[in-house]
Amino acid sequence: MSANEIGREVAELLFKAGAIHVSRQQPFILAAGWASPVYVDVRLLLGDPDLRQAVSDLAARYATAAFASGSLEAIAGAETAGIPFAAWLADRLALKLRYVRKRPLGIGRNAQVEGGPVEGLRVLLMDDLTTDGGSKLNFARGLRAAGAEVEHVLTIFYHDAFPGAGERLKEAGLRLHALANWGDVLRAEGGGGLAPEDRAEIERFLADPVAWSTRHGGRTRLAPRS
């Protein structure tokens, strides 16, 4: 199964879960501060057994194709929604499981990592959603501080409208892998269920998301690179 086929199937699962929310009247303010007419709630995949089984199978197919056998030793789920997705993927790939907190709890080298030591382990960081990549940098720093080797981030959905995430992660020695993005959502058969005015608003947003965010009270520019 190709990456494009996986992207299309994940997008279909998101539509089945009712995870694609469009609001033309009141914009969503995403965690990264951007204003958007659409919000993808990947966490809705967690609640349905068929949907979570399906997305976990697709994640395993992607990982098997993307990473050489033996190149990963553990999956680390990002607090909070990344943890169950990481657990299901770790089971399918027969790898160790860890999770990484948003901030250290307590003191010591492993204050941000739970589930066991990661020193010397080749770890895949996993999360449900990526927007600007800022939280992924924080999670990777926590894992690396505990001695893990972290070079890859896997996310269920990449909100790739706003530029800069891939570049920021690359500068930090991280490669972003996404099962699905906006192109997959708009190409998915389930996307045909979008009302014409909703699809038109999404397309206007995607044409210039920074300007759209600025007009609707969200962030007005990219964050400076550290």
Protein backbone atom coordinates (compact mmCIF):
# COMPACT_ATOMS: atom_id res chain seq x y z
CA MET A 1 0.00 0.00 0.00
CA SER A 2 1.44 3.37 -1.05
CA ALA A 3 1.68 6.46 1.16
CA ASN A 4 -1.03 8.12 -0.97
CA GLU A 5 -3.37 5.16 -0.44
CA ILE A 6 -2.72 5.24 3.31
CA GLY A 7 -3.41 8.99 3.34
CA ARG A 8 -6.70 8.53 1.54
CA GLU A 9 -7.82 5.75 3.89
CA VAL A 10 -6.87 7.72 7.01
CA ALA A 11 -8.83 10.70 5.66
CA GLU A 12 -11.85 8.44 5.14
CA LEU A 13 -11.56 7.26 8.75
CA LEU A 14 -11.50 10.86 9.94
CA PHE A 15 -14.71 11.58 8.02
CA LYS A 16 -16.34 8.44 9.44
CA ALA A 17 -15.39 9.56 12.95
CA GLY A 18 -16.89 13.01 12.37
CA ALA A 19 -13.46 14.49 13.05
CA ILE A 20 -13.54 17.18 10.33
CA HIS A 21 -15.22 20.25 11.83
CA VAL A 22 -15.86 23.36 9.70
CA SER A 23 -16.96 26.71 11.12
CA ARG A 24 -17.35 29.63 8.73
CA GLN A 25 -18.82 31.98 11.36
CA GLN A 26 -16.46 31.52 14.32
CA PRO A 27 -12.90 30.44 13.51
CA PHE A 28 -11.08 27.83 15.54
CA ILE A 29 -7.94 29.01 17.31
CA LEU A 30 -5.51 26.10 17.13
CA ALA A 31 -3.09 25.25 19.93
CA ALA A 32 -0.28 26.90 17.95
CA GLY A 33 -2.27 30.17 17.87
CA TRP A 34 -3.37 30.08 14.22
CA ALA A 35 -6.97 30.83 13.29
CA SER A 36 -8.55 28.23 11.03
CA PRO A 37 -12.05 27.58 9.62
CA VAL A 38 -11.54 23.86 10.11
CA TYR A 39 -10.44 21.66 13.00
CA VAL A 40 -9.44 18.02 12.83
CA ASP A 41 -10.15 16.14 16.07
CA VAL A 42 -8.01 13.03 15.58
CA ARG A 43 -8.87 11.93 19.12
CA LEU A 44 -12.32 10.86 17.91
CA LEU A 45 -10.61 7.85 16.31
CA LEU A 46 -9.79 6.61 19.82
CA GLY A 47 -13.35 5.90 20.87
CA ASP A 48 -14.53 3.53 18.14
CA PRO A 49 -12.95 0.04 18.10
CA ASP A 50 -13.20 -0.37 14.32
CA LEU A 51 -11.70 3.05 13.61
CA ARG A 52 -8.83 2.71 16.05
CA GLN A 53 -8.02 -0.78 14.77
CA ALA A 54 -8.04 0.51 11.20
CA VAL A 55 -5.84 3.56 11.82
CA SER A 56 -3.41 1.47 13.87
CA ASP A 57 -3.15 -1.07 11.06
CA LEU A 58 -2.45 1.74 8.59
CA ALA A 59 0.18 3.24 10.89
CA ALA A 60 1.87 -0.17 11.10
CA ARG A 61 1.83 -0.51 7.31
CA TYR A 62 3.38 2.93 6.95
CA ALA A 63 6.05 2.28 9.56
CA THR A 64 6.95 -1.11 8.11
CA ALA A 65 7.51 0.50 4.70
CA ALA A 66 9.24 3.65 5.98
CA PHE A 67 11.67 2.19 8.51
CA ALA A 68 14.14 -0.62 7.94
CA SER A 69 13.73 -3.71 10.07
CA GLY A 70 15.61 -3.26 13.33
CA SER A 71 16.04 0.50 12.90
CA LEU A 72 13.58 1.27 15.72
CA GLU A 73 13.62 -0.11 19.24
CA ALA A 74 10.80 1.82 20.91
CA ILE A 75 7.76 3.99 20.23
CA ALA A 76 7.25 7.02 22.48
CA GLY A 77 3.76 8.45 22.66
CA ALA A 78 3.44 12.20 23.15
CA GLU A 79 1.22 13.29 26.04
CA THR A 80 -1.69 12.90 25.81
CA ALA A 81 -3.40 11.66 22.63
CA GLY A 82 -0.19 10.28 21.17
CA ILE A 83 0.07 7.70 23.97
CA PRO A 84 -2.72 5.28 22.91
CA PHE A 85 -1.76 5.51 19.23
CA ALA A 86 1.84 4.73 20.18
CA ALA A 87 0.74 1.79 22.33
CA TRP A 88 -1.24 0.20 19.51
CA LEU A 89 1.59 0.72 17.04
CA ALA A 90 4.17 -0.68 19.49
CA ASP A 91 2.04 -3.81 19.87
CA ARG A 92 1.82 -4.32 16.12
CA LEU A 93 5.55 -3.81 15.62
CA ALA A 94 6.56 -5.71 18.79
CA LEU A 95 8.56 -2.73 20.08
CA LYS A 96 9.09 -1.21 23.51
CA LEU A 97 6.63 1.50 24.58
CA ARG A 98 7.42 4.72 26.40
CA TYR A 99 5.62 8.03 26.77
CA VAL A 100 6.97 11.54 27.02
CA ARG A 101 5.37 14.31 29.04
CA LYS A 102 4.80 17.88 27.91
CA ARG A 103 7.01 19.04 30.76
CA PRO A 104 9.28 17.33 33.27
CA LEU A 105 7.70 15.89 36.39
CA GLY A 106 10.18 15.77 39.21
CA ILE A 107 13.92 15.86 38.75
CA GLY A 108 16.59 13.81 37.07
CA ARG A 109 17.51 12.79 33.58
CA ASN A 110 14.32 10.81 32.96
CA ALA A 111 11.93 13.36 34.48
CA GLN A 112 10.00 13.77 31.23
CA VAL A 113 9.92 10.13 30.08
CA GLU A 114 7.79 7.33 31.55
CA GLY A 115 7.59 3.59 31.02
CA GLY A 116 11.24 2.74 31.44
CA PRO A 117 14.68 3.96 30.37
CA VAL A 118 15.35 5.12 26.82
CA GLU A 119 19.10 5.61 27.02
CA GLY A 120 20.71 4.34 23.84
CA LEU A 121 17.38 3.32 22.29
CA ARG A 122 16.36 4.32 18.77
CA VAL A 123 12.95 5.85 19.42
CA LEU A 124 10.10 6.90 17.12
CA LEU A 125 8.10 9.81 18.59
CA MET A 126 4.37 9.53 17.84
CA ASP A 127 1.53 12.04 18.20
CA ASP A 128 -1.99 12.46 16.92
CA LEU A 129 -1.64 15.89 15.27
CA THR A 130 1.08 18.25 14.08
CA THR A 131 0.60 21.93 13.22
CA ASP A 132 3.76 24.01 13.57
CA GLY A 133 5.96 21.34 15.11
CA GLY A 134 6.71 23.26 18.31
CA SER A 135 5.42 20.61 20.70
CA LYS A 136 7.30 17.89 18.81
CA LEU A 137 10.57 19.76 19.37
CA ASN A 138 9.81 19.84 23.09
CA PHE A 139 9.01 16.12 23.23
CA ALA A 140 12.15 15.26 21.27
CA ARG A 141 14.28 17.35 23.62
CA GLY A 142 12.86 15.44 26.58
CA LEU A 143 13.61 12.08 24.99
CA ARG A 144 17.10 13.13 23.97
CA ALA A 145 17.82 14.50 27.43
CA ALA A 146 17.05 11.01 28.71
CA GLY A 147 19.54 9.52 26.25
CA ALA A 148 17.27 8.40 23.43
CA GLU A 149 18.20 8.59 19.76
CA VAL A 150 15.28 10.38 18.09
CA GLU A 151 15.34 11.13 14.37
CA HIS A 152 11.72 10.57 13.28
CA VAL A 153 8.26 11.83 14.25
CA LEU A 154 5.09 10.06 13.13
CA THR A 155 1.76 11.89 13.28
CA ILE A 156 -1.71 10.70 12.31
CA PHE A 157 -2.65 14.06 10.74
CA TYR A 158 -0.42 16.92 9.65
CA HIS A 159 -2.15 20.32 9.55
CA ASP A 160 0.21 21.29 6.72
CA ALA A 161 -1.57 24.52 5.81
CA PHE A 162 0.89 26.64 7.77
CA PRO A 163 4.48 26.60 6.53
CA GLY A 164 7.56 25.95 8.55
CA ALA A 165 6.95 22.79 10.61
CA GLY A 166 8.96 20.47 8.41
CA GLU A 167 11.83 22.94 8.22
CA ARG A 168 11.88 23.54 11.98
CA LEU A 169 11.95 19.84 12.68
CA LYS A 170 14.62 19.22 10.05
CA GLU A 171 16.86 21.84 11.66
CA ALA A 172 16.50 19.90 14.91
CA GLY A 173 17.51 16.65 13.22
CA LEU A 174 13.95 15.33 12.98
CA ARG A 175 12.01 14.06 9.99
CA LEU A 176 8.23 14.40 10.04
CA HIS A 177 6.11 11.49 8.78
CA ALA A 178 2.35 12.03 8.41
CA LEU A 179 -0.27 9.44 7.62
CA ALA A 180 -2.60 12.11 6.19
CA ASN A 181 -2.74 15.84 5.43
CA TRP A 182 -5.13 18.36 3.89
CA GLY A 183 -4.57 17.11 0.36
CA ASP A 184 -5.72 13.66 1.46
CA VAL A 185 -8.82 15.09 3.14
CA LEU A 186 -9.90 17.04 0.06
CA ARG A 187 -9.27 14.06 -2.24
CA ALA A 188 -11.04 11.53 -0.03
CA GLU A 189 -14.41 10.22 -1.14
CA GLY A 190 -15.79 11.21 2.25
CA GLY A 191 -14.72 14.75 1.41
CA GLY A 192 -17.58 14.78 -1.07
CA GLY A 193 -19.82 15.07 1.97
CA LEU A 194 -18.51 18.56 2.67
CA ALA A 195 -21.07 21.24 1.94
CA PRO A 196 -19.99 23.25 -1.14
CA GLU A 197 -19.65 26.42 0.91
CA ASP A 198 -17.52 24.57 3.52
CA ARG A 199 -15.20 23.18 0.86
CA ALA A 200 -14.91 26.64 -0.72
CA GLU A 201 -13.97 28.17 2.65
CA ILE A 202 -11.36 25.49 3.29
CA GLU A 203 -9.87 26.09 -0.15
CA ARG A 204 -9.75 29.86 0.47
CA PHE A 205 -8.01 29.19 3.76
CA LEU A 206 -5.49 26.80 2.23
CA ALA A 207 -4.65 29.28 -0.54
CA ASP A 208 -3.17 31.71 2.03
CA PRO A 209 -3.55 30.41 5.60
CA VAL A 210 -1.38 33.08 7.22
CA ALA A 211 -3.49 35.88 5.71
CA TRP A 212 -6.70 34.02 6.65
CA SER A 213 -5.46 33.65 10.24
CA THR A 214 -4.53 37.34 10.38
CA ARG A 215 -7.99 38.42 9.17
CA HIS A 216 -9.71 36.22 11.73
CA GLY A 217 -7.81 37.14 14.89
CA GLY A 218 -5.19 34.39 14.96
CA ARG A 219 -1.43 34.44 14.64
CA THR A 220 -0.11 36.83 12.02
CA ARG A 221 3.31 35.41 11.24
CA LEU A 222 5.58 32.45 11.66
CA ALA A 223 7.46 32.13 14.91
CA PRO A 224 11.16 33.04 14.64
CA ARG A 225 13.46 30.10 14.33
CA SER A 226 15.54 29.30 17.37
